[in-house]
C-alpha atoms as a PDB file:
ATOM      1  CA  MET A   1     164.723  21.283  49.424  1.00  0.00           C
ATOM      2  CA  THR A   2     168.057  22.674  50.323  1.00  0.00           C
ATOM      3  CA  ASP A   3     169.828  22.540  53.390  1.00  0.00           C
ATOM      4  CA  LYS A   4     169.350  26.469  53.448  1.00  0.00           C
ATOM      5  CA  GLU A   5     165.847  26.154  52.402  1.00  0.00           C
ATOM      6  CA  TYR A   6     164.972  23.241  55.080  1.00  0.00           C
ATOM      7  CA  PHE A   7     166.360  25.011  58.395  1.00  0.00           C
ATOM      8  CA  ALA A   8     164.723  28.106  57.336  1.00  0.00           C
ATOM      9  CA  PHE A   9     161.575  26.459  56.990  1.00  0.00           C
ATOM     10  CA  ASP A  10     158.743  27.327  59.857  1.00  0.00           C
ATOM     11  CA  ALA A  11     157.502  23.873  61.200  1.00  0.00           C
ATOM     12  CA  ILE A  12     158.139  21.397  64.175  1.00  0.00           C
ATOM     13  CA  SER A  13     160.960  19.050  63.819  1.00  0.00           C
ATOM     14  CA  GLN A  14     162.901  17.137  66.328  1.00  0.00           C
ATOM     15  CA  SER A  15     164.807  19.575  67.107  1.00  0.00           C
ATOM     16  CA  SER A  16     162.594  22.168  68.247  1.00  0.00           C
ATOM     17  CA  ILE A  17     160.138  19.445  70.015  1.00  0.00           C
ATOM     18  CA  LYS A  18     163.366  18.368  72.072  1.00  0.00           C
ATOM     19  CA  THR A  19     164.140  22.318  72.569  1.00  0.00           C
ATOM     20  CA  PHE A  20     160.763  22.535  74.122  1.00  0.00           C
ATOM     21  CA  MET A  21     160.908  19.040  76.831  1.00  0.00           C
ATOM     22  CA  GLU A  22     163.913  20.895  77.549  1.00  0.00           C
ATOM     23  CA  ASN A  23     163.285  24.566  78.061  1.00  0.00           C
ATOM     24  CA  ARG A  24     160.095  26.153  77.480  1.00  0.00           C
ATOM     25  CA  LYS A  25     161.341  29.699  77.642  1.00  0.00           C
ATOM     26  CA  LEU A  26     164.441  28.496  74.968  1.00  0.00           C
ATOM     27  CA  TYR A  27     162.005  27.361  72.851  1.00  0.00           C
ATOM     28  CA  GLU A  28     159.935  30.441  72.756  1.00  0.00           C
ATOM     29  CA  TYR A  29     162.861  32.712  72.106  1.00  0.00           C
ATOM     30  CA  GLN A  30     164.774  30.574  69.354  1.00  0.00           C
ATOM     31  CA  TYR A  31     161.001  29.321  67.312  1.00  0.00           C
ATOM     32  CA  VAL A  32     158.806  31.862  67.944  1.00  0.00           C
ATOM     33  CA  LEU A  33     160.530  35.293  69.093  1.00  0.00           C
ATOM     34  CA  LYS A  34     163.375  33.950  66.639  1.00  0.00           C
ATOM     35  CA  ILE A  35     166.342  35.725  69.525  1.00  0.00           C
ATOM     36  CA  GLY A  36     169.484  34.584  69.360  1.00  0.00           C
ATOM     37  CA  GLU A  37     171.854  32.939  66.280  1.00  0.00           C
ATOM     38  CA  ASN A  38     172.132  29.450  65.914  1.00  0.00           C
ATOM     39  CA  LYS A  39     175.458  27.947  66.912  1.00  0.00           C
ATOM     40  CA  HIS A  40     178.034  27.150  63.911  1.00  0.00           C
ATOM     41  CA  THR A  41     181.007  25.361  64.684  1.00  0.00           C
ATOM     42  CA  LYS A  42     183.939  23.434  62.526  1.00  0.00           C
ATOM     43  CA  ALA A  43     182.962  20.271  63.790  1.00  0.00           C
ATOM     44  CA  MET A  44     179.166  21.071  61.674  1.00  0.00           C
ATOM     45  CA  ASP A  45     180.758  22.210  58.987  1.00  0.00           C
ATOM     46  CA  LEU A  46     182.622  18.802  58.421  1.00  0.00           C
ATOM     47  CA  GLY A  47     179.783  17.243  59.382  1.00  0.00           C
ATOM     48  CA  SER A  48     177.925  18.693  56.456  1.00  0.00           C
ATOM     49  CA  LEU A  49     180.745  17.526  54.463  1.00  0.00           C
ATOM     50  CA  ASN A  50     180.515  14.130  55.319  1.00  0.00           C
ATOM     51  CA  HIS A  51     177.024  13.914  54.510  1.00  0.00           C
ATOM     52  CA  CYS A  52     177.672  15.594  50.849  1.00  0.00           C
ATOM     53  CA  LEU A  53     180.327  12.850  50.364  1.00  0.00           C
ATOM     54  CA  LEU A  54     178.216  10.168  51.530  1.00  0.00           C
ATOM     55  CA  PHE A  55     174.558  10.903  50.508  1.00  0.00           C
ATOM     56  CA  GLU A  56     175.071  12.920  47.190  1.00  0.00           C
ATOM     57  CA  PHE A  57     178.837  12.812  46.479  1.00  0.00           C
ATOM     58  CA  GLU A  58     177.453  14.520  42.938  1.00  0.00           C
ATOM     59  CA  GLU A  59     176.659  17.653  44.650  1.00  0.00           C
ATOM     60  CA  PHE A  60     180.457  18.045  46.035  1.00  0.00           C
ATOM     61  CA  HIS A  61     181.370  20.474  43.473  1.00  0.00           C
ATOM     62  CA  ASN A  62     178.562  22.477  43.204  1.00  0.00           C
ATOM     63  CA  ARG A  63     177.955  23.333  47.001  1.00  0.00           C
ATOM     64  CA  TYR A  64     181.915  23.364  47.697  1.00  0.00           C
ATOM     65  CA  ALA A  65     185.105  25.223  46.718  1.00  0.00           C
ATOM     66  CA  HIS A  66     188.845  25.580  48.245  1.00  0.00           C
ATOM     67  CA  PHE A  67     189.553  28.639  50.028  1.00  0.00           C
ATOM     68  CA  SER A  68     192.651  29.114  52.062  1.00  0.00           C
ATOM     69  CA  GLY A  69     193.207  32.812  53.093  1.00  0.00           C
ATOM     70  CA  ALA A  70     192.261  35.250  55.406  1.00  0.00           C
ATOM     71  CA  VAL A  71     188.154  34.960  56.269  1.00  0.00           C
ATOM     72  CA  PRO A  72     185.681  37.511  57.803  1.00  0.00           C
ATOM     73  CA  SER A  73     186.112  36.124  60.937  1.00  0.00           C
ATOM     74  CA  SER A  74     183.683  38.620  63.355  1.00  0.00           C
ATOM     75  CA  ALA A  75     180.360  40.125  63.197  1.00  0.00           C
ATOM     76  CA  ASN A  76     181.543  43.291  62.063  1.00  0.00           C
ATOM     77  CA  GLN A  77     183.993  42.040  59.413  1.00  0.00           C
ATOM     78  CA  LYS A  78     180.964  40.167  58.150  1.00  0.00           C
ATOM     79  CA  LYS A  79     178.895  42.974  57.915  1.00  0.00           C
ATOM     80  CA  PHE A  80     181.243  44.997  56.375  1.00  0.00           C
ATOM     81  CA  VAL A  81     181.841  42.848  53.640  1.00  0.00           C
ATOM     82  CA  GLU A  82     178.292  42.621  53.145  1.00  0.00           C
ATOM     83  CA  LEU A  83     177.788  46.123  52.825  1.00  0.00           C
ATOM     84  CA  TYR A  84     181.262  46.741  50.447  1.00  0.00           C
ATOM     85  CA  THR A  85     180.404  44.064  48.111  1.00  0.00           C
ATOM     86  CA  LYS A  86     176.481  45.064  47.719  1.00  0.00           C
ATOM     87  CA  ASP A  87     175.219  45.680  44.396  1.00  0.00           C
ATOM     88  CA  ASN A  88     174.642  49.477  43.709  1.00  0.00           C
ATOM     89  CA  SER A  89     175.058  50.743  47.121  1.00  0.00           C
ATOM     90  CA  ASN A  90     175.906  54.313  47.150  1.00  0.00           C
ATOM     91  CA  LEU A  91     177.746  53.363  50.785  1.00  0.00           C
ATOM     92  CA  THR A  92     181.289  55.105  50.569  1.00  0.00           C
ATOM     93  CA  LEU A  93     184.285  52.890  52.076  1.00  0.00           C
ATOM     94  CA  GLU A  94     183.789  55.081  55.111  1.00  0.00           C
ATOM     95  CA  ASP A  95     179.837  54.596  55.696  1.00  0.00           C
ATOM     96  CA  CYS A  96     180.708  50.964  55.437  1.00  0.00           C
ATOM     97  CA  TYR A  97     183.461  50.755  58.136  1.00  0.00           C
ATOM     98  CA  ALA A  98     181.478  53.209  60.452  1.00  0.00           C
ATOM     99  CA  ASN A  99     177.752  51.160  60.040  1.00  0.00           C
ATOM    100  CA  SER A 100     179.844  47.776  60.720  1.00  0.00           C
ATOM    101  CA  TYR A 101     182.253  49.602  63.520  1.00  0.00           C
ATOM    102  CA  SER A 102     181.675  51.713  66.477  1.00  0.00           C
ATOM    103  CA  THR A 103     183.769  54.907  65.086  1.00  0.00           C
ATOM    104  CA  LYS A 104     183.341  57.313  68.251  1.00  0.00           C
ATOM    105  CA  GLY A 105     186.466  59.446  68.595  1.00  0.00           C
ATOM    106  CA  MET A 106     187.963  58.634  65.508  1.00  0.00           C
ATOM    107  CA  LYS A 107     189.028  61.154  63.166  1.00  0.00           C
ATOM    108  CA  ASP A 108     187.993  61.233  59.684  1.00  0.00           C
ATOM    109  CA  TYR A 109     191.448  59.718  58.402  1.00  0.00           C
ATOM    110  CA  GLN A 110     191.213  57.050  61.141  1.00  0.00           C
ATOM    111  CA  ILE A 111     188.082  55.663  59.879  1.00  0.00           C
ATOM    112  CA  THR A 112     189.694  55.644  55.862  1.00  0.00           C
ATOM    113  CA  GLN A 113     192.541  54.191  57.222  1.00  0.00           C
ATOM    114  CA  LYS A 114     190.869  51.424  59.161  1.00  0.00           C
ATOM    115  CA  ALA A 115     188.796  50.843  56.619  1.00  0.00           C
ATOM    116  CA  ASN A 116     191.319  50.335  53.943  1.00  0.00           C
ATOM    117  CA  GLU A 117     193.247  47.778  56.121  1.00  0.00           C
ATOM    118  CA  LEU A 118     190.288  45.627  56.715  1.00  0.00           C
ATOM    119  CA  VAL A 119     189.566  45.603  52.579  1.00  0.00           C
ATOM    120  CA  GLY A 120     193.322  44.707  52.051  1.00  0.00           C
ATOM    121  CA  GLU A 121     193.127  42.101  54.401  1.00  0.00           C
ATOM    122  CA  LEU A 122     190.029  40.489  53.493  1.00  0.00           C
ATOM    123  CA  ASN A 123     190.378  41.345  49.526  1.00  0.00           C
ATOM    124  CA  ASP A 124     191.137  37.857  48.743  1.00  0.00           C
ATOM    125  CA  PHE A 125     188.087  36.919  50.291  1.00  0.00           C
ATOM    126  CA  MET A 126     185.935  38.975  48.641  1.00  0.00           C
ATOM    127  CA  CYS A 127     187.073  38.263  44.965  1.00  0.00           C
ATOM    128  CA  PHE A 128     186.559  34.694  45.953  1.00  0.00           C
ATOM    129  CA  ASN A 129     183.277  35.460  47.375  1.00  0.00           C
ATOM    130  CA  GLU A 130     182.473  37.219  44.064  1.00  0.00           C
ATOM    131  CA  LYS A 131     182.854  34.234  41.948  1.00  0.00           C
ATOM    132  CA  HIS A 132     182.145  31.801  43.968  1.00  0.00           C
ATOM    133  CA  GLY A 133     179.483  33.382  46.384  1.00  0.00           C
ATOM    134  CA  HIS A 134     176.963  30.420  46.633  1.00  0.00           C
ATOM    135  CA  LYS A 135     179.577  27.468  47.627  1.00  0.00           C
ATOM    136  CA  GLU A 136     180.727  27.147  50.981  1.00  0.00           C
ATOM    137  CA  ILE A 137     184.456  27.305  51.612  1.00  0.00           C
ATOM    138  CA  ILE A 138     186.136  24.153  53.210  1.00  0.00           C
ATOM    139  CA  THR A 139     190.483  24.079  52.966  1.00  0.00           C
ATOM    140  CA  SER A 140     192.185  21.189  51.460  1.00  0.00           C
ATOM    141  CA  GLU A 141     192.876  19.809  55.067  1.00  0.00           C
ATOM    142  CA  MET A 142     189.388  19.562  55.465  1.00  0.00           C
ATOM    143  CA  GLU A 143     188.381  17.949  52.334  1.00  0.00           C
ATOM    144  CA  ILE A 144     191.299  15.260  52.867  1.00  0.00           C
ATOM    145  CA  GLN A 145     189.922  14.319  56.319  1.00  0.00           C
ATOM    146  CA  SER A 146     186.273  13.915  55.558  1.00  0.00           C
ATOM    147  CA  ARG A 147     187.278  11.398  52.584  1.00  0.00           C
ATOM    148  CA  ARG A 148     189.433   9.311  54.962  1.00  0.00           C
ATOM    149  CA  MET A 149     186.293   9.429  57.142  1.00  0.00           C
ATOM    150  CA  VAL A 150     183.637   8.604  54.711  1.00  0.00           C
ATOM    151  CA  GLU A 151     186.320   5.785  52.958  1.00  0.00           C
ATOM    152  CA  ILE A 152     186.547   4.254  56.453  1.00  0.00           C
ATOM    153  CA  VAL A 153     182.125   4.583  56.756  1.00  0.00           C
ATOM    154  CA  MET A 154     181.922   2.684  53.110  1.00  0.00           C
ATOM    155  CA  ASN A 155     184.346   0.436  53.954  1.00  0.00           C
ATOM    156  CA  HIS A 156     182.445  -0.873  57.234  1.00  0.00           C
ATOM    157  CA  SER A 157     180.736  -4.417  57.021  1.00  0.00           C
ATOM    158  CA  GLY A 158     177.808  -3.229  58.784  1.00  0.00           C
ATOM    159  CA  VAL A 159     177.533  -0.012  56.166  1.00  0.00           C
ATOM    160  CA  GLY A 160     178.021  -2.755  53.202  1.00  0.00           C
ATOM    161  CA  LYS A 161     175.800  -5.369  54.859  1.00  0.00           C
ATOM    162  CA  THR A 162     172.574  -2.199  55.008  1.00  0.00           C
ATOM    163  CA  LEU A 163     173.440   0.764  53.236  1.00  0.00           C
ATOM    164  CA  ILE A 164     175.053  -0.387  49.895  1.00  0.00           C
ATOM    165  CA  ALA A 165     173.312  -3.525  49.812  1.00  0.00           C
ATOM    166  CA  GLY A 166     170.290  -1.304  49.604  1.00  0.00           C
ATOM    167  CA  ARG A 167     171.682   1.218  46.937  1.00  0.00           C
ATOM    168  CA  ALA A 168     172.706  -1.714  44.965  1.00  0.00           C
ATOM    169  CA  ASN A 169     168.943  -3.163  45.214  1.00  0.00           C
ATOM    170  CA  SER A 170     166.910  -2.613  42.157  1.00  0.00           C
ATOM    171  CA  ASN A 171     163.642  -3.323  43.895  1.00  0.00           C
ATOM    172  CA  TYR A 172     164.655  -0.290  46.214  1.00  0.00           C
ATOM    173  CA  LYS A 173     163.482   3.168  45.696  1.00  0.00           C
ATOM    174  CA  ILE A 174     166.685   5.602  46.841  1.00  0.00           C
ATOM    175  CA  TYR A 175     165.622   8.778  48.313  1.00  0.00           C
ATOM    176  CA  LYS A 176     168.486  10.934  49.496  1.00  0.00           C
ATOM    177  CA  GLU A 177     168.482  14.077  51.905  1.00  0.00           C
ATOM    178  CA  HIS A 178     165.098  13.587  51.298  1.00  0.00           C
ATOM    179  CA  SER A 179     162.724  16.443  53.068  1.00  0.00           C
ATOM    180  CA  ILE A 180     159.373  15.674  54.694  1.00  0.00           C
ATOM    181  CA  VAL A 181     156.664  18.703  55.386  1.00  0.00           C
ATOM    182  CA  LEU A 182     152.815  17.681  56.428  1.00  0.00           C
ATOM    183  CA  GLU A 183     150.694  18.650  58.737  1.00  0.00           C
ATOM    184  CA  ASP A 184     150.154  16.205  62.068  1.00  0.00           C
ATOM    185  CA  ARG A 185     146.823  14.825  61.893  1.00  0.00           C
ATOM    186  CA  ARG A 186     146.183  15.442  65.728  1.00  0.00           C
ATOM    187  CA  PHE A 187     146.956  19.086  66.176  1.00  0.00           C
ATOM    188  CA  GLY A 188     146.916  20.386  62.425  1.00  0.00           C
ATOM    189  CA  ARG A 189     150.634  21.812  62.797  1.00  0.00           C
ATOM    190  CA  VAL A 190     152.738  21.624  59.983  1.00  0.00           C
ATOM    191  CA  ILE A 191     156.201  19.329  60.681  1.00  0.00           C
ATOM    192  CA  LYS A 192     159.035  18.703  58.951  1.00  0.00           C
ATOM    193  CA  CYS A 193     162.118  15.927  58.941  1.00  0.00           C
ATOM    194  CA  LYS A 194     164.732  15.514  56.463  1.00  0.00           C
ATOM    195  CA  VAL A 195     166.544  11.894  56.343  1.00  0.00           C
ATOM    196  CA  ASP A 196     169.729  11.442  55.142  1.00  0.00           C
ATOM    197  CA  GLU A 197     168.868   8.379  52.642  1.00  0.00           C
ATOM    198  CA  MET A 198     165.468   5.845  52.483  1.00  0.00           C
ATOM    199  CA  HIS A 199     165.685   3.069  50.698  1.00  0.00           C
ATOM    200  CA  VAL A 200     161.699   2.266  50.017  1.00  0.00           C
ATOM    201  CA  ASP A 201     160.975  -1.518  49.177  1.00  0.00           C
ATOM    202  CA  THR A 202     157.564  -1.347  47.334  1.00  0.00           C
ATOM    203  CA  LYS A 203     157.134  -4.844  47.173  1.00  0.00           C
ATOM    204  CA  ASN A 204     157.034  -5.608  51.165  1.00  0.00           C
ATOM    205  CA  HIS A 205     156.469  -2.525  52.644  1.00  0.00           C
ATOM    206  CA  ILE A 206     159.243  -1.733  54.105  1.00  0.00           C
ATOM    207  CA  ILE A 207     161.270   1.570  54.553  1.00  0.00           C
ATOM    208  CA  TYR A 208     165.140   1.402  55.633  1.00  0.00           C
ATOM    209  CA  ALA A 209     166.078   5.118  56.745  1.00  0.00           C
ATOM    210  CA  TYR A 210     169.516   5.843  57.564  1.00  0.00           C
ATOM    211  CA  ASP A 211     170.909   8.873  59.882  1.00  0.00           C
ATOM    212  CA  TYR A 212     174.766   9.467  59.919  1.00  0.00           C
ATOM    213  CA  LYS A 213     176.221  11.116  63.296  1.00  0.00           C
ATOM    214  CA  THR A 214     179.662  11.819  63.988  1.00  0.00           C
ATOM    215  CA  THR A 215     180.389  11.158  67.959  1.00  0.00           C
ATOM    216  CA  ARG A 216     182.987  11.610  70.489  1.00  0.00           C
ATOM    217  CA  SER A 217     181.675   8.129  71.767  1.00  0.00           C
ATOM    218  CA  GLN A 218     184.360   5.111  71.629  1.00  0.00           C
ATOM    219  CA  ASN A 219     181.906   2.019  71.412  1.00  0.00           C
ATOM    220  CA  THR A 220     178.374   1.461  71.392  1.00  0.00           C
ATOM    221  CA  ASN A 221     177.709   1.131  74.940  1.00  0.00           C
ATOM    222  CA  SER A 222     178.916   5.040  75.888  1.00  0.00           C
ATOM    223  CA  PHE A 223     176.800   6.089  72.322  1.00  0.00           C
ATOM    224  CA  LYS A 224     173.923   4.917  74.479  1.00  0.00           C
ATOM    225  CA  GLY A 225     175.064   8.222  76.507  1.00  0.00           C
ATOM    226  CA  SER A 226     174.869   9.833  73.835  1.00  0.00           C
ATOM    227  CA  VAL A 227     171.804   9.216  72.786  1.00  0.00           C
ATOM    228  CA  ARG A 228     170.175  10.659  76.140  1.00  0.00           C
ATOM    229  CA  TYR A 229     172.036  13.423  76.082  1.00  0.00           C
ATOM    230  CA  TYR A 230     171.078  14.433  72.057  1.00  0.00           C
ATOM    231  CA  GLY A 231     167.982  12.588  72.328  1.00  0.00           C
ATOM    232  CA  TYR A 232     167.998  10.363  69.610  1.00  0.00           C
ATOM    233  CA  ASP A 233     165.808   8.128  70.323  1.00  0.00           C
ATOM    234  CA  ILE A 234     163.098  11.246  70.196  1.00  0.00           C
ATOM    235  CA  GLN A 235     164.492  11.899  66.501  1.00  0.00           C
ATOM    236  CA  GLU A 236     164.251   8.038  65.861  1.00  0.00           C
ATOM    237  CA  SER A 237     160.723   8.032  66.649  1.00  0.00           C
ATOM    238  CA  PHE A 238     159.784  11.168  65.119  1.00  0.00           C
ATOM    239  CA  TYR A 239     161.397  10.376  61.705  1.00  0.00           C
ATOM    240  CA  ALA A 240     159.553   7.115  61.945  1.00  0.00           C
ATOM    241  CA  ASN A 241     156.296   8.168  62.805  1.00  0.00           C
ATOM    242  CA  TYR A 242     156.339  10.739  59.776  1.00  0.00           C
ATOM    243  CA  ILE A 243     158.062   8.551  57.539  1.00  0.00           C
ATOM    244  CA  LYS A 244     155.010   6.575  57.803  1.00  0.00           C
ATOM    245  CA  GLU A 245     152.815   9.237  56.917  1.00  0.00           C
ATOM    246  CA  TRP A 246     154.211  10.614  54.299  1.00  0.00           C
ATOM    247  CA  ALA A 247     154.814   6.875  52.652  1.00  0.00           C
ATOM    248  CA  LEU A 248     150.841   6.313  53.273  1.00  0.00           C
ATOM    249  CA  ILE A 249     150.441   9.507  51.302  1.00  0.00           C
ATOM    250  CA  GLU A 250     152.960   9.023  48.610  1.00  0.00           C
ATOM    251  CA  PHE A 251     152.051   5.006  48.093  1.00  0.00           C
ATOM    252  CA  GLY A 252     148.597   4.983  49.321  1.00  0.00           C
ATOM    253  CA  VAL A 253     149.438   2.009  51.591  1.00  0.00           C
ATOM    254  CA  ASN A 254     151.137   1.367  55.424  1.00  0.00           C
ATOM    255  CA  PHE A 255     154.535   0.743  55.808  1.00  0.00           C
ATOM    256  CA  ALA A 256     157.162  -0.606  58.245  1.00  0.00           C
ATOM    257  CA  VAL A 257     159.844   1.982  59.481  1.00  0.00           C
ATOM    258  CA  VAL A 258     163.217   0.591  60.083  1.00  0.00           C
ATOM    259  CA  PHE A 259     165.628   3.344  61.496  1.00  0.00           C
ATOM    260  CA  ARG A 260     169.222   2.710  61.486  1.00  0.00           C
ATOM    261  CA  PHE A 261     172.040   5.421  62.463  1.00  0.00           C
ATOM    262  CA  ILE A 262     175.444   5.332  61.275  1.00  0.00           C
ATOM    263  CA  PRO A 263     177.893   6.549  64.183  1.00  0.00           C
ATOM    264  CA  GLN A 264     181.937   7.296  63.445  1.00  0.00           C
ATOM    265  CA  LEU A 265     184.215   8.535  65.604  1.00  0.00           C
ATOM    266  CA  ASN A 266     185.006  12.536  65.300  1.00  0.00           C
ATOM    267  CA  ILE A 267     188.670  12.054  65.670  1.00  0.00           C
ATOM    268  CA  ALA A 268     191.426   9.503  64.563  1.00  0.00           C
ATOM    269  CA  PRO A 269     191.283   6.777  63.549  1.00  0.00           C
ATOM    270  CA  TYR A 270     187.562   7.223  63.110  1.00  0.00           C
ATOM    271  CA  ASN A 271     186.062   4.093  63.885  1.00  0.00           C
ATOM    272  CA  VAL A 272     182.519   3.077  62.399  1.00  0.00           C
ATOM    273  CA  LEU A 273     180.732   2.344  66.139  1.00  0.00           C
ATOM    274  CA  ASP A 274     178.624   0.160  63.999  1.00  0.00           C
ATOM    275  CA  VAL A 275     174.940   0.103  62.402  1.00  0.00           C
ATOM    276  CA  ILE A 276     172.750   0.390  65.254  1.00  0.00           C
ATOM    277  CA  GLU A 277     168.728   0.197  65.476  1.00  0.00           C
ATOM    278  CA  PHE A 278     167.251   1.177  68.401  1.00  0.00           C
ATOM    279  CA  ASP A 279     164.836  -1.710  70.050  1.00  0.00           C
ATOM    280  CA  PRO A 280     160.587  -1.377  68.632  1.00  0.00           C
ATOM    281  CA  GLN A 281     159.730  -0.544  73.011  1.00  0.00           C
ATOM    282  CA  ASP A 282     162.590   2.807  73.051  1.00  0.00           C
ATOM    283  CA  ARG A 283     160.830   3.737  70.001  1.00  0.00           C
ATOM    284  CA  GLU A 284     157.110   3.087  71.888  1.00  0.00           C
ATOM    285  CA  GLN A 285     158.596   5.259  74.998  1.00  0.00           C
ATOM    286  CA  ALA A 286     159.761   7.788  72.970  1.00  0.00           C
ATOM    287  CA  TYR A 287     156.856   8.350  71.007  1.00  0.00           C
ATOM    288  CA  ILE A 288     155.004   8.952  74.373  1.00  0.00           C
ATOM    289  CA  ARG A 289     157.553  11.078  75.879  1.00  0.00           C
ATOM    290  CA  TRP A 290     157.627  13.519  72.599  1.00  0.00           C
ATOM    291  CA  SER A 291     153.838  13.296  71.554  1.00  0.00           C
ATOM    292  CA  GLU A 292     153.323  14.789  75.445  1.00  0.00           C
ATOM    293  CA  ALA A 293     154.765  17.541  74.412  1.00  0.00           C
ATOM    294  CA  PHE A 294     153.701  17.900  71.087  1.00  0.00           C
ATOM    295  CA  GLU A 295     150.176  18.210  72.680  1.00  0.00           C
ATOM    296  CA  GLN A 296     151.391  20.767  75.337  1.00  0.00           C
ATOM    297  CA  LEU A 297     153.749  22.921  72.530  1.00  0.00           C
ATOM    298  CA  ASP A 298     150.064  23.235  71.004  1.00  0.00           C
ATOM    299  CA  ASP A 299     148.612  24.768  73.844  1.00  0.00           C
ATOM    300  CA  CYS A 300     151.847  26.634  74.490  1.00  0.00           C
ATOM    301  CA  LEU A 301     151.064  27.914  70.628  1.00  0.00           C
ATOM    302  CA  THR A 302     147.536  28.539  70.768  1.00  0.00           C
ATOM    303  CA  SER A 303     147.864  30.279  74.184  1.00  0.00           C
ATOM    304  CA  GLY A 304     151.071  32.481  73.803  1.00  0.00           C
ATOM    305  CA  ARG A 305     152.326  31.166  76.913  1.00  0.00           C
ATOM    306  CA  PHE A 306     155.569  29.122  77.268  1.00  0.00           C
ATOM    307  CA  ASP A 307     155.939  29.411  81.554  1.00  0.00           C
ATOM    308  CA  ASN A 308     156.344  25.975  84.021  1.00  0.00           C
ATOM    309  CA  PRO A 309     159.135  23.928  81.744  1.00  0.00           C
ATOM    310  CA  SER A 310     158.239  20.084  82.761  1.00  0.00           C
ATOM    311  CA  ALA A 311     160.793  17.504  83.359  1.00  0.00           C
ATOM    312  CA  TYR A 312     160.535  14.548  81.063  1.00  0.00           C
ATOM    313  CA  SER A 313     162.438  11.492  82.705  1.00  0.00           C
ATOM    314  CA  ASP A 314     164.687   9.187  80.907  1.00  0.00           C
ATOM    315  CA  THR A 315     164.455   5.940  79.725  1.00  0.00           C
ATOM    316  CA  GLY A 316     167.369   3.259  79.176  1.00  0.00           C
ATOM    317  CA  VAL A 317     167.384   2.793  75.466  1.00  0.00           C
ATOM    318  CA  ASN A 318     168.563  -0.860  74.540  1.00  0.00           C
ATOM    319  CA  MET A 319     170.350  -0.892  70.882  1.00  0.00           C
ATOM    320  CA  MET A 320     170.594  -3.605  68.201  1.00  0.00           C
ATOM    321  CA  LYS A 321     174.443  -4.105  66.603  1.00  0.00           C
ATOM    322  CA  LEU A 322     173.975  -5.162  63.258  1.00  0.00           C
ATOM    323  CA  ASN A 323     177.292  -6.895  61.615  1.00  0.00           C
ATOM    324  CA  MET A 324     177.623  -9.262  58.844  1.00  0.00           C
ATOM    325  CA  ILE A 325     176.821 -12.095  60.602  1.00  0.00           C
ATOM    326  CA  ASP A 326     173.944 -11.595  62.590  1.00  0.00           C
ATOM    327  CA  SER A 327     172.184  -9.513  65.367  1.00  0.00           C
ATOM    328  CA  VAL A 328     173.453  -8.591  68.622  1.00  0.00           C
ATOM    329  CA  VAL A 329     170.803  -7.093  70.944  1.00  0.00           C
ATOM    330  CA  LEU A 330     172.438  -5.384  73.996  1.00  0.00           C
ATOM    331  CA  THR A 331     170.209  -5.482  76.709  1.00  0.00           C
ATOM    332  CA  ASP A 332     172.244  -3.404  79.451  1.00  0.00           C
ATOM    333  CA  GLY A 333     170.843  -0.387  80.039  1.00  0.00           C
ATOM    334  CA  PHE A 334     172.567   2.554  80.620  1.00  0.00           C
END
């Protein structure tokens, strides 16, 4: 399942659960009524490129292409390009412009002039899009930055000890960017999660799951603030729970799940903070919180009412720091 297919697939995810926990009305708008566009930033584009180079390197040239010219930068321009380049369209140039911009008070010749100016500005992009329309646009500078960040990740000792060593282990089944879609046994709701990489040890019945993050945190202690703010403990617990269910269906036996985050500073020098696992108690506490939220979400979806948002208490998250020599438990709270 591609990223586009995954995000378009209608199912309960760790992101939607967290949205419900924060604001039920916001959940209703985004996931039930489908109101509002998803935020898209350059940081997200860089993160996606990093993920590709880290976990699906062989797909890079199929997904990305270089373009340094002018691109549609507004919803109006995007709409104009969509209409102007649509196959078998009966719309004139002026129609495309009028359906993308307000033309109130404009003369016909002014509409034609504006439309031609827009075509001139975006012609290189439209020619590029005709040839590489299925690919994401990146600049040379963006690729250089991403490759530098990925090189730092791959040279980190903790990553070498875990992710890279696992890839080299012939006894592991490797799943990259693997989408899990199944029915929750309690509520009958379909859930989804997409794991960056899983190493399945079928002999010892252990699954090592990896999730790469870019962060503004300078060290593992400050990363705890990101855990709280972005709900990474909810993600870890949610993923671990359904990875176990997937494994039981896939292999017919129960597996333990070791979930590891690889957080990397998103500005130079792009340090990797470490390879981080949460304490089992934190997973259990997070499970109680999101499981309770899931039950309340089920009630809301059944009744169609999304009022009275509930507040959830935050708990401290202890994290395990992995290195080439030994594991050090970080016991200090936030």
